[in-house]
C-alpha atoms as a PDB file:
ATOM      1  CA  MET A   1     -83.091  -1.647  38.328  1.00  0.00           C
ATOM      2  CA  PRO A   2     -82.807  -4.066  40.923  1.00  0.00           C
ATOM      3  CA  LEU A   3     -79.613  -4.806  42.268  1.00  0.00           C
ATOM      4  CA  LEU A   4     -79.972  -9.021  41.741  1.00  0.00           C
ATOM      5  CA  PRO A   5     -77.616 -11.777  42.319  1.00  0.00           C
ATOM      6  CA  ILE A   6     -76.607 -13.327  39.605  1.00  0.00           C
ATOM      7  CA  ALA A   7     -75.535 -16.574  38.002  1.00  0.00           C
ATOM      8  CA  TRP A   8     -73.247 -17.398  35.240  1.00  0.00           C
ATOM      9  CA  LYS A   9     -73.577 -19.851  32.624  1.00  0.00           C
ATOM     10  CA  ASP A  10     -71.126 -20.972  29.993  1.00  0.00           C
ATOM     11  CA  THR A  11     -71.708 -19.119  26.361  1.00  0.00           C
ATOM     12  CA  CYS A  12     -73.770 -21.686  25.069  1.00  0.00           C
ATOM     13  CA  LEU A  13     -77.105 -22.249  27.025  1.00  0.00           C
ATOM     14  CA  ASP A  14     -80.670 -22.690  25.780  1.00  0.00           C
ATOM     15  CA  SER A  15     -82.791 -21.312  28.280  1.00  0.00           C
ATOM     16  CA  ASN A  16     -86.416 -19.357  28.678  1.00  0.00           C
ATOM     17  CA  GLY A  17     -86.669 -16.250  29.387  1.00  0.00           C
ATOM     18  CA  PRO A  18     -87.707 -15.238  32.917  1.00  0.00           C
ATOM     19  CA  LEU A  19     -91.506 -13.759  33.212  1.00  0.00           C
ATOM     20  CA  ILE A  20     -91.139 -10.483  35.208  1.00  0.00           C
ATOM     21  CA  ASN A  21     -94.267  -8.769  36.686  1.00  0.00           C
ATOM     22  CA  ILE A  22     -93.607  -5.051  37.607  1.00  0.00           C
ATOM     23  CA  ASN A  23     -96.450  -4.032  40.201  1.00  0.00           C
ATOM     24  CA  ARG A  24     -95.227  -1.162  41.666  1.00  0.00           C
ATOM     25  CA  LEU A  25     -93.131   1.751  41.512  1.00  0.00           C
ATOM     26  CA  SER A  26     -91.104   3.427  43.891  1.00  0.00           C
ATOM     27  CA  ARG A  27     -90.750   7.242  44.535  1.00  0.00           C
ATOM     28  CA  ASP A  28     -87.289   7.071  42.129  1.00  0.00           C
ATOM     29  CA  GLN A  29     -88.726   4.540  39.600  1.00  0.00           C
ATOM     30  CA  LYS A  30     -90.460   6.398  36.135  1.00  0.00           C
ATOM     31  CA  GLU A  31     -91.576   4.330  33.658  1.00  0.00           C
ATOM     32  CA  TYR A  32     -92.714   4.799  29.843  1.00  0.00           C
ATOM     33  CA  ILE A  33     -93.410   3.011  27.129  1.00  0.00           C
ATOM     34  CA  ASP A  34     -90.599   2.774  24.527  1.00  0.00           C
ATOM     35  CA  ARG A  35     -91.387   2.801  20.479  1.00  0.00           C
ATOM     36  CA  ARG A  36     -92.203  -0.465  20.335  1.00  0.00           C
ATOM     37  CA  GLY A  37     -94.841  -0.737  22.592  1.00  0.00           C
ATOM     38  CA  VAL A  38     -92.390  -2.073  25.755  1.00  0.00           C
ATOM     39  CA  HIS A  39     -93.177  -1.194  29.081  1.00  0.00           C
ATOM     40  CA  VAL A  40     -90.436   0.048  30.939  1.00  0.00           C
ATOM     41  CA  VAL A  41     -88.827   1.067  33.911  1.00  0.00           C
ATOM     42  CA  VAL A  42     -85.974   2.850  35.073  1.00  0.00           C
ATOM     43  CA  GLY A  43     -85.043   3.697  38.763  1.00  0.00           C
ATOM     44  CA  HIS A  44     -83.383   1.992  41.873  1.00  0.00           C
ATOM     45  CA  TYR A  45     -85.309  -0.419  43.702  1.00  0.00           C
ATOM     46  CA  MET A  46     -84.909  -0.185  47.346  1.00  0.00           C
ATOM     47  CA  GLY A  47     -86.792  -3.185  48.864  1.00  0.00           C
ATOM     48  CA  GLU A  48     -90.264  -2.892  51.030  1.00  0.00           C
ATOM     49  CA  MET A  49     -90.566   0.114  53.133  1.00  0.00           C
ATOM     50  CA  ASN A  50     -91.834  -0.715  56.561  1.00  0.00           C
ATOM     51  CA  LYS A  51     -95.556   0.441  57.584  1.00  0.00           C
ATOM     52  CA  ALA A  52     -94.207   3.292  58.694  1.00  0.00           C
ATOM     53  CA  GLY A  53     -92.791   4.326  55.620  1.00  0.00           C
ATOM     54  CA  HIS A  54     -89.410   4.529  56.556  1.00  0.00           C
ATOM     55  CA  THR A  55     -86.487   1.879  55.820  1.00  0.00           C
ATOM     56  CA  PRO A  56     -85.371  -0.042  59.805  1.00  0.00           C
ATOM     57  CA  ASN A  57     -83.318   1.367  62.012  1.00  0.00           C
ATOM     58  CA  LEU A  58     -79.816  -0.772  61.354  1.00  0.00           C
ATOM     59  CA  THR A  59     -77.959  -0.720  63.912  1.00  0.00           C
ATOM     60  CA  ASP A  60     -73.984  -1.012  64.447  1.00  0.00           C
ATOM     61  CA  GLU A  61     -74.397  -5.066  65.833  1.00  0.00           C
ATOM     62  CA  LEU A  62     -76.722  -5.769  63.195  1.00  0.00           C
ATOM     63  CA  LEU A  63     -74.651  -4.645  60.245  1.00  0.00           C
ATOM     64  CA  ASN A  64     -71.295  -6.689  61.970  1.00  0.00           C
ATOM     65  CA  ALA A  65     -73.274  -9.674  62.765  1.00  0.00           C
ATOM     66  CA  ASN A  66     -72.409 -12.378  60.979  1.00  0.00           C
ATOM     67  CA  LEU A  67     -75.742 -14.437  60.712  1.00  0.00           C
ATOM     68  CA  PHE A  68     -73.918 -16.991  58.045  1.00  0.00           C
ATOM     69  CA  SER A  69     -76.061 -20.500  59.426  1.00  0.00           C
ATOM     70  CA  PRO A  70     -76.190 -23.001  56.504  1.00  0.00           C
ATOM     71  CA  ARG A  71     -79.121 -26.236  56.269  1.00  0.00           C
ATOM     72  CA  PRO A  72     -77.560 -28.708  53.813  1.00  0.00           C
ATOM     73  CA  GLN A  73     -80.625 -29.081  51.358  1.00  0.00           C
ATOM     74  CA  GLU A  74     -81.501 -25.278  51.258  1.00  0.00           C
ATOM     75  CA  GLY A  75     -81.715 -24.270  47.744  1.00  0.00           C
ATOM     76  CA  LYS A  76     -80.196 -27.505  46.134  1.00  0.00           C
ATOM     77  CA  LEU A  77     -80.316 -27.385  42.799  1.00  0.00           C
ATOM     78  CA  GLY A  78     -81.355 -24.159  42.742  1.00  0.00           C
ATOM     79  CA  GLN A  79     -84.517 -24.453  44.340  1.00  0.00           C
ATOM     80  CA  PRO A  80     -85.788 -21.216  46.069  1.00  0.00           C
ATOM     81  CA  VAL A  81     -85.946 -21.029  49.851  1.00  0.00           C
ATOM     82  CA  MET A  82     -88.987 -20.949  51.763  1.00  0.00           C
ATOM     83  CA  ILE A  83     -88.811 -18.446  54.776  1.00  0.00           C
ATOM     84  CA  PRO A  84     -91.759 -19.683  57.841  1.00  0.00           C
ATOM     85  CA  SER A  85     -94.282 -16.636  58.214  1.00  0.00           C
ATOM     86  CA  HIS A  86     -93.521 -16.314  61.606  1.00  0.00           C
ATOM     87  CA  GLU A  87     -89.780 -15.471  60.803  1.00  0.00           C
ATOM     88  CA  MET A  88     -91.102 -13.278  58.525  1.00  0.00           C
ATOM     89  CA  PRO A  89     -90.488  -9.574  60.235  1.00  0.00           C
ATOM     90  CA  ARG A  90     -87.128 -10.748  61.016  1.00  0.00           C
ATOM     91  CA  MET A  91     -86.508 -11.335  56.715  1.00  0.00           C
ATOM     92  CA  GLN A  92     -88.290  -8.137  56.481  1.00  0.00           C
ATOM     93  CA  GLU A  93     -85.349  -6.088  58.899  1.00  0.00           C
ATOM     94  CA  LEU A  94     -82.625  -8.089  57.625  1.00  0.00           C
ATOM     95  CA  TYR A  95     -83.530  -7.499  53.679  1.00  0.00           C
ATOM     96  CA  HIS A  96     -82.644  -4.011  54.057  1.00  0.00           C
ATOM     97  CA  ILE A  97     -79.128  -4.756  54.865  1.00  0.00           C
ATOM     98  CA  ASN A  98     -78.040  -5.477  51.335  1.00  0.00           C
ATOM     99  CA  ARG A  99     -81.345  -5.297  49.356  1.00  0.00           C
ATOM    100  CA  PHE A 100     -81.983  -8.398  48.810  1.00  0.00           C
ATOM    101  CA  ASN A 101     -83.416 -11.660  51.276  1.00  0.00           C
ATOM    102  CA  LEU A 102     -80.572 -12.072  53.381  1.00  0.00           C
ATOM    103  CA  MET A 103     -81.864 -14.612  55.425  1.00  0.00           C
ATOM    104  CA  ALA A 104     -82.807 -16.614  52.734  1.00  0.00           C
ATOM    105  CA  SER A 105     -79.164 -16.204  51.075  1.00  0.00           C
ATOM    106  CA  ASP A 106     -77.632 -17.342  54.851  1.00  0.00           C
ATOM    107  CA  ARG A 107     -79.242 -20.574  55.183  1.00  0.00           C
ATOM    108  CA  ILE A 108     -77.574 -21.862  51.574  1.00  0.00           C
ATOM    109  CA  PRO A 109     -74.065 -23.705  52.050  1.00  0.00           C
ATOM    110  CA  LEU A 110     -71.607 -21.811  49.811  1.00  0.00           C
ATOM    111  CA  ASN A 111     -70.915 -24.758  47.901  1.00  0.00           C
ATOM    112  CA  ARG A 112     -74.594 -25.501  46.968  1.00  0.00           C
ATOM    113  CA  SER A 113     -75.318 -27.667  43.769  1.00  0.00           C
ATOM    114  CA  LEU A 114     -77.003 -25.949  40.601  1.00  0.00           C
ATOM    115  CA  PRO A 115     -78.221 -27.611  37.452  1.00  0.00           C
ATOM    116  CA  ASP A 116     -76.252 -28.156  34.014  1.00  0.00           C
ATOM    117  CA  VAL A 117     -78.962 -26.657  31.628  1.00  0.00           C
ATOM    118  CA  ARG A 118     -75.977 -26.307  28.897  1.00  0.00           C
ATOM    119  CA  LYS A 119     -77.250 -28.409  25.680  1.00  0.00           C
ATOM    120  CA  LYS A 120     -75.941 -31.576  24.454  1.00  0.00           C
ATOM    121  CA  ARG A 121     -74.095 -29.923  21.694  1.00  0.00           C
ATOM    122  CA  CYS A 122     -72.386 -27.381  24.076  1.00  0.00           C
ATOM    123  CA  GLN A 123     -71.688 -30.085  26.109  1.00  0.00           C
ATOM    124  CA  GLY A 124     -69.323 -31.823  24.327  1.00  0.00           C
ATOM    125  CA  LYS A 125     -67.470 -28.370  23.542  1.00  0.00           C
ATOM    126  CA  TYR A 126     -64.491 -26.711  24.834  1.00  0.00           C
ATOM    127  CA  THR A 127     -63.355 -30.205  26.449  1.00  0.00           C
ATOM    128  CA  ASP A 128     -59.317 -29.348  25.042  1.00  0.00           C
ATOM    129  CA  LEU A 129     -57.662 -27.060  27.396  1.00  0.00           C
ATOM    130  CA  GLU A 130     -54.152 -27.677  26.174  1.00  0.00           C
ATOM    131  CA  GLY A 131     -52.498 -24.747  25.724  1.00  0.00           C
ATOM    132  CA  LEU A 132     -55.038 -22.064  27.122  1.00  0.00           C
ATOM    133  CA  PRO A 133     -53.744 -19.340  28.989  1.00  0.00           C
ATOM    134  CA  SER A 134     -54.356 -18.831  33.253  1.00  0.00           C
ATOM    135  CA  THR A 135     -56.594 -16.571  34.690  1.00  0.00           C
ATOM    136  CA  SER A 136     -57.147 -13.875  37.950  1.00  0.00           C
ATOM    137  CA  ILE A 137     -60.578 -13.694  38.882  1.00  0.00           C
ATOM    138  CA  ILE A 138     -61.026  -9.737  40.611  1.00  0.00           C
ATOM    139  CA  ILE A 139     -64.249  -9.568  42.597  1.00  0.00           C
ATOM    140  CA  VAL A 140     -64.206  -6.324  44.281  1.00  0.00           C
ATOM    141  CA  PHE A 141     -66.773  -5.897  46.974  1.00  0.00           C
ATOM    142  CA  HIS A 142     -68.117  -3.069  49.220  1.00  0.00           C
ATOM    143  CA  ASN A 143     -69.857  -4.342  52.391  1.00  0.00           C
ATOM    144  CA  GLU A 144     -70.991  -7.536  50.754  1.00  0.00           C
ATOM    145  CA  ALA A 145     -72.703 -10.606  52.997  1.00  0.00           C
ATOM    146  CA  TRP A 146     -70.385 -12.948  53.819  1.00  0.00           C
ATOM    147  CA  SER A 147     -72.558 -15.688  52.144  1.00  0.00           C
ATOM    148  CA  THR A 148     -73.091 -14.152  48.549  1.00  0.00           C
ATOM    149  CA  LEU A 149     -69.312 -13.353  48.801  1.00  0.00           C
ATOM    150  CA  LEU A 150     -68.362 -16.655  49.439  1.00  0.00           C
ATOM    151  CA  ARG A 151     -70.804 -18.465  47.609  1.00  0.00           C
ATOM    152  CA  THR A 152     -69.490 -16.353  44.526  1.00  0.00           C
ATOM    153  CA  VAL A 153     -65.873 -17.757  44.604  1.00  0.00           C
ATOM    154  CA  HIS A 154     -66.535 -21.305  46.266  1.00  0.00           C
ATOM    155  CA  SER A 155     -68.382 -21.616  42.950  1.00  0.00           C
ATOM    156  CA  VAL A 156     -65.451 -20.219  40.676  1.00  0.00           C
ATOM    157  CA  ILE A 157     -63.533 -22.717  42.557  1.00  0.00           C
ATOM    158  CA  ASN A 158     -65.660 -25.479  42.530  1.00  0.00           C
ATOM    159  CA  ARG A 159     -66.961 -25.339  38.181  1.00  0.00           C
ATOM    160  CA  SER A 160     -63.446 -24.466  36.981  1.00  0.00           C
ATOM    161  CA  PRO A 161     -60.417 -26.516  35.828  1.00  0.00           C
ATOM    162  CA  ARG A 162     -58.190 -25.799  38.302  1.00  0.00           C
ATOM    163  CA  VAL A 163     -55.449 -25.573  35.221  1.00  0.00           C
ATOM    164  CA  LEU A 164     -57.233 -21.982  34.310  1.00  0.00           C
ATOM    165  CA  LEU A 165     -57.398 -20.637  37.819  1.00  0.00           C
ATOM    166  CA  LYS A 166     -54.441 -18.459  38.960  1.00  0.00           C
ATOM    167  CA  GLU A 167     -55.395 -16.801  41.252  1.00  0.00           C
ATOM    168  CA  ILE A 168     -58.660 -14.929  42.804  1.00  0.00           C
ATOM    169  CA  LEU A 169     -58.404 -11.773  43.743  1.00  0.00           C
ATOM    170  CA  LEU A 170     -60.833 -10.058  46.210  1.00  0.00           C
ATOM    171  CA  VAL A 171     -60.851  -6.626  46.456  1.00  0.00           C
ATOM    172  CA  ASP A 172     -62.572  -4.686  49.255  1.00  0.00           C
ATOM    173  CA  ASP A 173     -63.505  -0.857  48.442  1.00  0.00           C
ATOM    174  CA  ASN A 174     -63.830   0.124  51.683  1.00  0.00           C
ATOM    175  CA  SER A 175     -65.912  -2.120  53.627  1.00  0.00           C
ATOM    176  CA  ASN A 176     -66.530  -1.184  57.772  1.00  0.00           C
ATOM    177  CA  ARG A 177     -67.854  -4.778  58.639  1.00  0.00           C
ATOM    178  CA  ALA A 178     -66.321  -6.180  61.019  1.00  0.00           C
ATOM    179  CA  PHE A 179     -66.728 -10.057  59.160  1.00  0.00           C
ATOM    180  CA  LEU A 180     -65.199  -8.671  56.435  1.00  0.00           C
ATOM    181  CA  ARG A 181     -61.725  -8.017  58.039  1.00  0.00           C
ATOM    182  CA  GLU A 182     -59.425 -10.859  59.657  1.00  0.00           C
ATOM    183  CA  PRO A 183     -62.141 -13.538  59.608  1.00  0.00           C
ATOM    184  CA  LEU A 184     -62.613 -13.345  55.941  1.00  0.00           C
ATOM    185  CA  GLU A 185     -58.353 -13.196  55.159  1.00  0.00           C
ATOM    186  CA  GLN A 186     -58.985 -16.518  57.512  1.00  0.00           C
ATOM    187  CA  HIS A 187     -61.300 -18.041  55.453  1.00  0.00           C
ATOM    188  CA  VAL A 188     -59.775 -17.380  52.308  1.00  0.00           C
ATOM    189  CA  ALA A 189     -56.307 -18.682  53.585  1.00  0.00           C
ATOM    190  CA  GLN A 190     -57.619 -22.276  54.105  1.00  0.00           C
ATOM    191  CA  LEU A 191     -59.132 -22.281  50.165  1.00  0.00           C
ATOM    192  CA  PRO A 192     -57.069 -24.530  47.982  1.00  0.00           C
ATOM    193  CA  VAL A 193     -56.664 -21.729  45.064  1.00  0.00           C
ATOM    194  CA  PRO A 194     -54.542 -19.062  46.014  1.00  0.00           C
ATOM    195  CA  THR A 195     -57.002 -16.532  47.264  1.00  0.00           C
ATOM    196  CA  ARG A 196     -56.167 -12.839  48.564  1.00  0.00           C
ATOM    197  CA  VAL A 197     -57.634 -10.012  49.345  1.00  0.00           C
ATOM    198  CA  LEU A 198     -56.750  -6.453  48.565  1.00  0.00           C
ATOM    199  CA  ARG A 199     -58.001  -3.386  50.834  1.00  0.00           C
ATOM    200  CA  THR A 200     -58.453   0.190  48.669  1.00  0.00           C
ATOM    201  CA  GLY A 201     -58.249   1.966  52.329  1.00  0.00           C
ATOM    202  CA  LYS A 202     -60.487   3.906  50.782  1.00  0.00           C
ATOM    203  CA  ARG A 203     -63.473   4.619  49.231  1.00  0.00           C
ATOM    204  CA  VAL A 204     -62.845   4.517  45.415  1.00  0.00           C
ATOM    205  CA  GLY A 205     -66.064   2.850  42.947  1.00  0.00           C
ATOM    206  CA  LEU A 206     -66.336  -0.078  41.117  1.00  0.00           C
ATOM    207  CA  VAL A 207     -63.853   0.764  38.297  1.00  0.00           C
ATOM    208  CA  LYS A 208     -60.266   2.405  40.248  1.00  0.00           C
ATOM    209  CA  ALA A 209     -61.055  -1.099  42.285  1.00  0.00           C
ATOM    210  CA  ARG A 210     -60.997  -2.964  39.440  1.00  0.00           C
ATOM    211  CA  LEU A 211     -57.366  -1.379  37.739  1.00  0.00           C
ATOM    212  CA  LEU A 212     -56.085  -2.240  41.404  1.00  0.00           C
ATOM    213  CA  GLY A 213     -57.280  -6.148  40.816  1.00  0.00           C
ATOM    214  CA  ALA A 214     -55.777  -6.104  37.547  1.00  0.00           C
ATOM    215  CA  GLU A 215     -52.425  -4.203  38.241  1.00  0.00           C
ATOM    216  CA  ASP A 216     -51.826  -6.658  41.181  1.00  0.00           C
ATOM    217  CA  ALA A 217     -52.992  -9.882  38.825  1.00  0.00           C
ATOM    218  CA  GLN A 218     -50.974 -12.625  38.005  1.00  0.00           C
ATOM    219  CA  GLY A 219     -52.922 -14.302  35.437  1.00  0.00           C
ATOM    220  CA  GLU A 220     -52.363 -13.652  31.822  1.00  0.00           C
ATOM    221  CA  VAL A 221     -56.113 -12.975  31.327  1.00  0.00           C
ATOM    222  CA  LEU A 222     -58.416 -10.462  33.906  1.00  0.00           C
ATOM    223  CA  THR A 223     -61.716 -12.253  34.367  1.00  0.00           C
ATOM    224  CA  PHE A 224     -64.244  -9.662  36.487  1.00  0.00           C
ATOM    225  CA  LEU A 225     -66.936 -10.724  38.484  1.00  0.00           C
ATOM    226  CA  ASP A 226     -69.819  -9.215  40.457  1.00  0.00           C
ATOM    227  CA  ALA A 227     -69.734 -10.114  43.951  1.00  0.00           C
ATOM    228  CA  HIS A 228     -73.254 -12.120  44.074  1.00  0.00           C
ATOM    229  CA  CYS A 229     -72.822 -14.102  41.537  1.00  0.00           C
ATOM    230  CA  GLU A 230     -72.508 -18.384  41.193  1.00  0.00           C
ATOM    231  CA  CYS A 231     -70.870 -20.387  38.508  1.00  0.00           C
ATOM    232  CA  THR A 232     -72.512 -22.926  36.584  1.00  0.00           C
ATOM    233  CA  LYS A 233     -70.392 -25.740  34.748  1.00  0.00           C
ATOM    234  CA  GLY A 234     -68.762 -25.444  31.881  1.00  0.00           C
ATOM    235  CA  TRP A 235     -68.570 -21.182  32.211  1.00  0.00           C
ATOM    236  CA  LEU A 236     -65.023 -20.399  32.394  1.00  0.00           C
ATOM    237  CA  GLU A 237     -63.349 -23.423  29.443  1.00  0.00           C
ATOM    238  CA  SER A 238     -65.569 -21.354  26.401  1.00  0.00           C
ATOM    239  CA  LEU A 239     -64.865 -17.859  27.747  1.00  0.00           C
ATOM    240  CA  ILE A 240     -61.091 -18.673  27.789  1.00  0.00           C
ATOM    241  CA  THR A 241     -61.302 -20.553  24.520  1.00  0.00           C
ATOM    242  CA  ARG A 242     -63.088 -17.705  23.024  1.00  0.00           C
ATOM    243  CA  ILE A 243     -60.259 -15.215  23.737  1.00  0.00           C
ATOM    244  CA  SER A 244     -57.062 -17.889  23.390  1.00  0.00           C
ATOM    245  CA  GLU A 245     -58.560 -16.833  19.593  1.00  0.00           C
ATOM    246  CA  ASP A 246     -57.791 -13.538  19.560  1.00  0.00           C
ATOM    247  CA  ARG A 247     -56.572 -11.390  21.531  1.00  0.00           C
ATOM    248  CA  THR A 248     -58.352  -8.575  21.227  1.00  0.00           C
ATOM    249  CA  ARG A 249     -61.678 -10.016  22.427  1.00  0.00           C
ATOM    250  CA  VAL A 250     -63.598  -9.352  25.305  1.00  0.00           C
ATOM    251  CA  VAL A 251     -66.048 -11.379  26.254  1.00  0.00           C
ATOM    252  CA  CYS A 252     -68.794 -11.900  28.479  1.00  0.00           C
ATOM    253  CA  PRO A 253     -71.085 -14.972  28.893  1.00  0.00           C
ATOM    254  CA  VAL A 254     -74.643 -15.631  29.465  1.00  0.00           C
ATOM    255  CA  ILE A 255     -76.122 -14.311  32.368  1.00  0.00           C
ATOM    256  CA  ASP A 256     -79.344 -16.337  34.602  1.00  0.00           C
ATOM    257  CA  ILE A 257     -80.625 -14.438  37.449  1.00  0.00           C
ATOM    258  CA  ILE A 258     -80.934 -15.714  41.099  1.00  0.00           C
ATOM    259  CA  SER A 259     -84.110 -14.516  42.670  1.00  0.00           C
ATOM    260  CA  ASP A 260     -83.221 -11.376  45.474  1.00  0.00           C
ATOM    261  CA  ASP A 261     -86.196 -12.963  46.744  1.00  0.00           C
ATOM    262  CA  SER A 262     -85.863 -16.764  47.342  1.00  0.00           C
ATOM    263  CA  PHE A 263     -82.610 -17.650  46.056  1.00  0.00           C
ATOM    264  CA  ALA A 264     -84.015 -19.776  43.183  1.00  0.00           C
ATOM    265  CA  TYR A 265     -82.000 -20.347  40.220  1.00  0.00           C
ATOM    266  CA  VAL A 266     -84.172 -18.727  36.856  1.00  0.00           C
ATOM    267  CA  ARG A 267     -82.595 -19.651  33.710  1.00  0.00           C
ATOM    268  CA  SER A 268     -82.610 -16.684  31.496  1.00  0.00           C
ATOM    269  CA  PHE A 269     -83.047 -16.313  27.683  1.00  0.00           C
ATOM    270  CA  GLU A 270     -80.255 -17.565  25.863  1.00  0.00           C
ATOM    271  CA  LEU A 271     -80.185 -15.263  22.304  1.00  0.00           C
ATOM    272  CA  HIS A 272     -79.908 -11.988  23.549  1.00  0.00           C
ATOM    273  CA  TRP A 273     -77.090  -9.321  23.255  1.00  0.00           C
ATOM    274  CA  GLY A 274     -76.460  -5.741  24.717  1.00  0.00           C
ATOM    275  CA  ALA A 275     -77.575  -2.312  23.845  1.00  0.00           C
ATOM    276  CA  PHE A 276     -78.265   1.312  24.377  1.00  0.00           C
ATOM    277  CA  ASN A 277     -81.828   2.719  23.791  1.00  0.00           C
ATOM    278  CA  TRP A 278     -82.457   6.300  23.428  1.00  0.00           C
ATOM    279  CA  GLU A 279     -82.198   7.351  26.945  1.00  0.00           C
ATOM    280  CA  LEU A 280     -78.533   5.768  26.788  1.00  0.00           C
ATOM    281  CA  HIS A 281     -80.018   2.956  29.435  1.00  0.00           C
ATOM    282  CA  PHE A 282     -78.207  -0.536  28.985  1.00  0.00           C
ATOM    283  CA  ARG A 283     -80.808  -3.716  27.916  1.00  0.00           C
ATOM    284  CA  TRP A 284     -80.534  -6.818  26.312  1.00  0.00           C
ATOM    285  CA  TYR A 285     -82.428  -7.281  23.517  1.00  0.00           C
ATOM    286  CA  THR A 286     -83.265 -10.610  21.605  1.00  0.00           C
ATOM    287  CA  LEU A 287     -81.400 -11.207  18.552  1.00  0.00           C
ATOM    288  CA  ALA A 288     -82.032 -10.264  14.766  1.00  0.00           C
ATOM    289  CA  SER A 289     -84.054 -12.671  12.832  1.00  0.00           C
ATOM    290  CA  GLU A 290     -81.051 -12.702  10.444  1.00  0.00           C
ATOM    291  CA  GLU A 291     -78.628 -13.713  13.324  1.00  0.00           C
ATOM    292  CA  ILE A 292     -80.421 -16.562  14.665  1.00  0.00           C
ATOM    293  CA  LYS A 293     -80.860 -18.262  11.029  1.00  0.00           C
ATOM    294  CA  LYS A 294     -77.179 -18.265  11.156  1.00  0.00           C
ATOM    295  CA  ARG A 295     -77.292 -20.328  14.131  1.00  0.00           C
ATOM    296  CA  LYS A 296     -79.770 -23.089  12.850  1.00  0.00           C
ATOM    297  CA  LYS A 297     -77.496 -25.524  13.078  1.00  0.00           C
ATOM    298  CA  ASP A 298     -75.849 -24.943  15.876  1.00  0.00           C
ATOM    299  CA  ILE A 299     -77.404 -22.877  18.354  1.00  0.00           C
ATOM    300  CA  SER A 300     -74.768 -22.633  21.031  1.00  0.00           C
ATOM    301  CA  GLU A 301     -72.446 -20.821  18.515  1.00  0.00           C
ATOM    302  CA  PRO A 302     -71.314 -17.372  20.319  1.00  0.00           C
ATOM    303  CA  PHE A 303     -71.942 -14.528  18.884  1.00  0.00           C
ATOM    304  CA  ARG A 304     -70.699 -10.750  18.645  1.00  0.00           C
ATOM    305  CA  GLN A 305     -71.683  -7.644  20.363  1.00  0.00           C
ATOM    306  CA  ASP A 306     -70.630  -4.293  20.790  1.00  0.00           C
ATOM    307  CA  PRO A 307     -71.627  -3.020  24.085  1.00  0.00           C
ATOM    308  CA  ASP A 308     -71.591  -4.798  27.407  1.00  0.00           C
ATOM    309  CA  ASN A 309     -72.716  -3.835  30.920  1.00  0.00           C
ATOM    310  CA  GLY A 310     -69.224  -4.456  32.410  1.00  0.00           C
ATOM    311  CA  ARG A 311     -70.368  -6.489  35.244  1.00  0.00           C
ATOM    312  CA  ARG A 312     -68.957  -9.793  34.015  1.00  0.00           C
ATOM    313  CA  THR A 313     -66.143  -9.485  31.681  1.00  0.00           C
ATOM    314  CA  VAL A 314     -63.461 -11.702  30.225  1.00  0.00           C
ATOM    315  CA  CYS A 315     -60.141 -10.069  28.570  1.00  0.00           C
ATOM    316  CA  TYR A 316     -56.151 -10.236  28.374  1.00  0.00           C
ATOM    317  CA  ARG A 317     -54.201  -8.304  30.059  1.00  0.00           C
END
């Protein structure tokens, strides 16, 4: 599956499902028709090859260059970034660094605006924050792009009630890009929310890196985020409210999409739940009709699901 940047919104958003056009298979992908007649493609998307059939030679100089050069109106309100045709060769070269359109990402400001697509009923909920626990935001990264990593951090700060934010922990799983060392530490030291960079010292993988962050966290609640997401308005309040009602809960939000090609914000469908198919691949499925009927009066009500993909998760320590 493609490694895409993601957008977070709160748990009671309504949206139309994205239309995904599959027009090619790479060598490390396979396809099949499942029992319901749904065409499924499984594999890891590696981006376009060059004309010779090989990925370009990425030099250390290019990998260590921070090309972040924001333009004030690019990506505003989640709009796509359009790259002129004469810059396409350079765009395709940079694409292979992080497997998304790095040129587009580097032109979007760290504090770009996103639309508030919540239902009116949802906007009126979760306004009483008194007594709610504080949370530590834990973000694991490895050689992440400067723009996507810090846009994640800035979106958390800009769209989260300060009273709920204890700190932000960036756990570096042995990155070797120069701008993720001292320049990153200097940047986060100036943020209005306490933000620290933890280093694993060696490559340990996502789970151990998250555990390192959890051990060092000071908040009552742990919130785990990917390093390439953007939080929308109201994303945190509903999650913290739900978990405060029952300490045994592990909650996750509705997840929207950020295009890996244009960085456009794309609303996902709302009433879906996660499950494993017979090949043990995690998939999102539409809620059963009886569950949808239960929410006829208030479609913004949360619902239970058993498995989660674990990439965006909130839980008590």
